[in-house]
Amino acid sequence: MKAMILAAGRGERLRPLTDHTPKPLLVAGGKPLIAHLLAALATQGFREIVINLAHLGDQLRAAVGDGNRYGVRVQYSPEPDSALETAGGIRHALPLLGDAPFLVVNGDIATDFPFAELMQQPAARSAHLVMVPNPPHKARGDFVLMDGLLRPDDGHGHTFAGIGVYRPEFFAGVTPGRFPLLPLLLQDMAAGQISGQLYEGFWLDVGTAQRLELADRYYSGRTGYPPRP
C-alpha cells in the first residue's frame, strides 16, 4: 500500500515559526515532525510515499530528498503556493498513488498509531478513517462512530485523526483545483460508505506552539509523557 503525507499547509496558527519553516519540518525530539512519520511508516511496511508540497515546499524536498535515509521511496506532488485543500491535493496526486487504496496521513500530527493495521482497509467501502477521543482544545467531535460506520457528529462524536485509507474512486468527482474533503465525506457517509475505528493511544495535533512542546516532550521520551489515562 502506498501512503501520502499531507504537507502543503501554511500552518497559520504556528506563525511566526512557520513563516520561514514549513510546519512538517518543525523539530520535536531532535527531528522534524515529518521525519518521525516517515520512520514510523517505514518501520510498519510502507515503502512508497507521496508528499504534497506548497508553502516553502523546496525546503521539504531538500530535507527529505528521495526518502532513502528513511528506508522509503518518496515522490512529490507540487501544488500552487496557496495549496489545493485536502481533497484537491489528493486528487492532484492520484497519478502517483495508483489504482489501489492508499493511506493518507496529516504531516502535522505526532502519534504512535500502528499504521500497519490499515493495510487491509477499506474492504468494500470508499474510505476508512481513524478517530480519536476529543482533545482538550476541541470540545465537539467531527463524526460519530456507530457499528463500524461514521456519520456526522450529533454532539457525541470523536475527532478525525487525520489518518485514513481511501479508494481512488472516492475522488472521481473532484474537479481540478481547490477542493475540501468534508463534502465528499458527508456525501458518502449518507450512503454508508465511510467506515472507521477509534484509537485511544497517543495522538497529538501539532497546531500550536504549546502542542509542539508536547510533541517534543513525547518524542524526547521525557518521564511522565504522554500522561496515562
Protein backbone atom coordinates (compact mmCIF):
# COMPACT_ATOMS: atom_id res chain seq x y z
CA MET A 1 0.00 0.00 0.00
CA LYS A 2 1.24 3.49 -0.86
CA ALA A 3 0.99 6.35 1.62
CA MET A 4 0.58 10.11 1.20
CA ILE A 5 1.70 12.69 3.74
CA LEU A 6 -0.19 15.98 3.57
CA ALA A 7 2.47 18.67 3.92
CA ALA A 8 1.24 21.61 1.85
CA GLY A 9 -0.46 23.77 4.50
CA ARG A 10 0.86 27.10 5.75
CA GLY A 11 0.42 26.40 9.49
CA GLU A 12 -1.14 29.77 10.27
CA ARG A 13 -1.66 29.01 13.99
CA LEU A 14 2.06 28.31 14.38
CA ARG A 15 3.23 31.62 12.98
CA PRO A 16 5.82 33.08 13.20
CA LEU A 17 7.52 29.67 13.37
CA THR A 18 6.02 28.70 10.03
CA ASP A 19 6.80 31.96 8.26
CA HIS A 20 10.19 30.58 7.30
CA THR A 21 9.85 26.86 8.06
CA PRO A 22 7.13 24.53 6.73
CA LYS A 23 5.17 23.01 9.61
CA PRO A 24 6.26 19.39 8.94
CA LEU A 25 9.88 20.50 9.36
CA LEU A 26 9.36 21.94 12.84
CA VAL A 27 11.53 20.00 15.26
CA ALA A 28 10.29 17.80 18.10
CA GLY A 29 12.55 15.39 19.91
CA GLY A 30 15.53 16.48 17.83
CA LYS A 31 13.93 15.63 14.47
CA PRO A 32 11.39 17.23 12.12
CA LEU A 33 7.81 16.08 12.58
CA ILE A 34 7.79 14.57 9.10
CA ALA A 35 10.90 12.54 9.90
CA HIS A 36 9.08 10.81 12.75
CA LEU A 37 6.17 9.98 10.41
CA LEU A 38 8.44 8.66 7.68
CA ALA A 39 10.32 6.47 10.14
CA ALA A 40 7.06 5.10 11.56
CA LEU A 41 5.65 4.34 8.12
CA ALA A 42 8.85 2.63 7.02
CA THR A 43 9.02 0.52 10.18
CA GLN A 44 5.48 -0.68 9.54
CA GLY A 45 5.96 -1.75 5.97
CA PHE A 46 5.15 1.30 3.85
CA ARG A 47 7.77 1.80 1.15
CA GLU A 48 6.18 4.15 -1.41
CA ILE A 49 5.41 7.63 -0.05
CA VAL A 50 3.93 10.68 -1.80
CA ILE A 51 4.30 14.12 -0.21
CA ASN A 52 2.38 17.15 -1.46
CA LEU A 53 4.21 20.47 -1.43
CA ALA A 54 3.12 24.12 -1.45
CA HIS A 55 4.23 26.59 1.25
CA LEU A 56 8.06 26.52 1.35
CA GLY A 57 7.94 23.21 -0.47
CA ASP A 58 11.54 23.44 -1.66
CA GLN A 59 12.67 23.21 1.95
CA LEU A 60 10.71 19.99 2.45
CA ARG A 61 12.06 18.47 -0.74
CA ALA A 62 15.61 19.37 0.25
CA ALA A 63 15.22 17.97 3.77
CA VAL A 64 13.55 14.67 2.86
CA GLY A 65 15.16 14.02 -0.51
CA ASP A 66 14.33 10.73 -2.15
CA GLY A 67 13.49 9.11 1.20
CA ASN A 68 16.37 6.64 1.07
CA ARG A 69 17.66 7.62 4.52
CA TYR A 70 14.28 6.58 5.97
CA GLY A 71 14.06 3.33 4.01
CA VAL A 72 11.31 4.56 1.69
CA ARG A 73 10.93 5.97 -1.82
CA VAL A 74 9.48 9.48 -1.83
CA GLN A 75 7.74 11.20 -4.72
CA TYR A 76 6.46 14.76 -4.62
CA SER A 77 3.21 16.35 -5.74
CA PRO A 78 3.81 20.12 -6.07
CA GLU A 79 0.85 22.47 -5.70
CA PRO A 80 0.39 26.24 -6.06
CA ASP A 81 1.64 28.19 -3.07
CA SER A 82 -1.97 28.69 -1.92
CA ALA A 83 -2.35 24.85 -1.83
CA LEU A 84 -5.37 22.86 -3.06
CA GLU A 85 -7.01 21.87 0.26
CA THR A 86 -7.19 18.21 1.26
CA ALA A 87 -9.36 16.62 -1.45
CA GLY A 88 -7.91 18.83 -4.16
CA GLY A 89 -4.37 17.93 -3.11
CA ILE A 90 -5.11 14.21 -3.01
CA ARG A 91 -6.84 14.33 -6.40
CA HIS A 92 -3.83 16.16 -7.83
CA ALA A 93 -1.56 13.37 -6.53
CA LEU A 94 -3.67 10.44 -7.83
CA PRO A 95 -1.33 9.72 -10.78
CA LEU A 96 1.40 8.98 -8.22
CA LEU A 97 -0.85 6.98 -5.89
CA GLY A 98 -2.07 4.34 -8.34
CA ASP A 99 -5.26 2.31 -8.58
CA ALA A 100 -5.27 0.61 -5.16
CA PRO A 101 -6.46 2.00 -1.80
CA PHE A 102 -3.85 4.26 -0.20
CA LEU A 103 -3.12 5.70 3.22
CA VAL A 104 -3.23 9.46 3.83
CA VAL A 105 -1.66 11.00 6.96
CA ASN A 106 -1.58 14.63 8.04
CA GLY A 107 2.01 15.86 8.20
CA ASP A 108 1.42 17.81 11.42
CA ILE A 109 0.49 15.04 13.85
CA ALA A 110 2.51 13.16 16.46
CA THR A 111 1.27 9.66 17.22
CA ASP A 112 2.16 6.06 17.99
CA PHE A 113 -0.73 4.76 15.87
CA PRO A 114 0.03 1.31 14.34
CA PHE A 115 -0.27 2.23 10.65
CA ALA A 116 0.25 -1.38 9.54
CA GLU A 117 -3.27 -2.16 10.82
CA LEU A 118 -4.69 -0.17 7.93
CA MET A 119 -3.14 -2.17 5.12
CA GLN A 120 -6.33 -4.22 4.79
CA GLN A 121 -8.70 -1.21 4.80
CA PRO A 122 -11.15 -0.39 3.38
CA ALA A 123 -12.93 -3.54 2.16
CA ALA A 124 -15.95 -2.60 0.04
CA ARG A 125 -16.24 0.98 1.25
CA SER A 126 -14.86 4.19 -0.21
CA ALA A 127 -12.85 5.29 2.83
CA HIS A 128 -11.85 4.23 6.34
CA LEU A 129 -10.98 6.90 8.90
CA VAL A 130 -9.21 6.76 12.26
CA MET A 131 -10.93 8.64 15.06
CA VAL A 132 -9.52 9.70 18.43
CA PRO A 133 -11.12 10.94 21.66
CA ASN A 134 -11.70 14.68 21.53
CA PRO A 135 -8.57 16.50 22.76
CA PRO A 136 -8.84 19.22 25.43
CA HIS A 137 -8.80 22.03 22.87
CA LYS A 138 -11.71 20.56 20.87
CA ALA A 139 -14.94 20.07 22.77
CA ARG A 140 -17.06 18.86 19.85
CA GLY A 141 -16.14 15.90 17.69
CA ASP A 142 -16.14 15.58 13.91
CA PHE A 143 -18.02 12.32 13.36
CA VAL A 144 -19.90 9.67 15.28
CA LEU A 145 -18.71 6.06 15.07
CA MET A 146 -21.55 3.54 15.23
CA ASP A 147 -21.36 -0.15 14.29
CA GLY A 148 -18.14 0.48 12.40
CA LEU A 149 -19.57 3.28 10.25
CA LEU A 150 -19.21 7.06 10.54
CA ARG A 151 -21.88 9.72 10.41
CA PRO A 152 -21.92 13.47 11.16
CA ASP A 153 -21.40 14.44 14.79
CA ASP A 154 -24.55 14.85 16.87
CA GLY A 155 -22.71 16.14 19.92
CA HIS A 156 -21.33 12.75 20.96
CA GLY A 157 -18.67 12.20 18.32
CA HIS A 158 -14.92 11.83 18.15
CA THR A 159 -12.19 13.77 16.38
CA PHE A 160 -10.83 12.76 12.99
CA ALA A 161 -7.16 11.90 13.49
CA GLY A 162 -6.02 12.96 10.03
CA ILE A 163 -5.29 9.29 9.26
CA GLY A 164 -7.35 7.45 6.68
CA VAL A 165 -7.40 4.96 3.82
CA TYR A 166 -9.14 5.96 0.60
CA ARG A 167 -10.06 4.31 -2.65
CA PRO A 168 -9.02 6.37 -5.69
CA GLU A 169 -12.64 6.29 -6.93
CA PHE A 170 -13.65 8.33 -3.89
CA PHE A 171 -12.12 11.38 -5.60
CA ALA A 172 -13.60 10.73 -9.04
CA GLY A 173 -15.98 13.69 -8.84
CA VAL A 174 -13.40 16.20 -7.63
CA THR A 175 -12.66 18.91 -10.16
CA PRO A 176 -9.05 20.13 -10.53
CA GLY A 177 -8.15 22.93 -8.16
CA ARG A 178 -9.03 23.69 -4.54
CA PHE A 179 -11.49 21.23 -3.05
CA PRO A 180 -12.21 20.41 0.63
CA LEU A 181 -12.54 16.86 1.93
CA LEU A 182 -15.58 17.29 4.18
CA PRO A 183 -18.30 17.45 1.46
CA LEU A 184 -17.05 14.17 -0.01
CA LEU A 185 -17.05 12.50 3.38
CA LEU A 186 -20.56 13.68 4.25
CA GLN A 187 -21.89 12.51 0.89
CA ASP A 188 -20.50 9.00 1.30
CA MET A 189 -21.42 8.83 4.99
CA ALA A 190 -25.04 9.31 3.97
CA ALA A 191 -24.64 6.26 1.73
CA GLY A 192 -23.00 4.18 4.49
CA GLN A 193 -19.67 4.12 2.65
CA ILE A 194 -17.30 5.55 5.28
CA SER A 195 -16.08 3.11 7.91
CA GLY A 196 -13.99 3.99 10.92
CA GLN A 197 -12.21 2.91 14.07
CA LEU A 198 -11.41 4.55 17.39
CA TYR A 199 -7.78 4.82 18.51
CA GLU A 200 -7.17 5.65 22.17
CA GLY A 201 -3.37 5.65 22.17
CA PHE A 202 -1.09 8.65 21.81
CA TRP A 203 -2.16 11.24 19.23
CA LEU A 204 -1.49 14.94 19.04
CA ASP A 205 -2.47 17.60 16.52
CA VAL A 206 0.61 19.84 16.48
CA GLY A 207 -1.32 23.00 15.68
CA THR A 208 0.09 25.47 18.21
CA ALA A 209 3.42 26.26 19.85
CA GLN A 210 2.17 24.70 23.07
CA ARG A 211 1.32 21.44 21.33
CA LEU A 212 4.67 21.49 19.55
CA GLU A 213 6.23 21.49 23.02
CA LEU A 214 4.07 18.48 23.95
CA ALA A 215 5.27 16.68 20.83
CA ASP A 216 8.84 17.50 21.80
CA ARG A 217 8.27 16.02 25.25
CA TYR A 218 6.78 12.88 23.72
CA TYR A 219 9.49 12.28 21.14
CA SER A 220 12.19 13.12 23.69
CA GLY A 221 10.86 10.38 25.97
CA ARG A 222 10.51 12.66 28.94
CA THR A 223 9.23 10.90 32.05
CA GLY A 224 5.50 11.03 32.51
CA TYR A 225 4.58 11.93 28.94
CA PRO A 226 2.22 11.10 27.43
CA PRO A 227 0.08 11.03 30.58
CA ARG A 228 -1.63 7.77 31.41
CA PRO A 229 -5.44 7.68 31.05
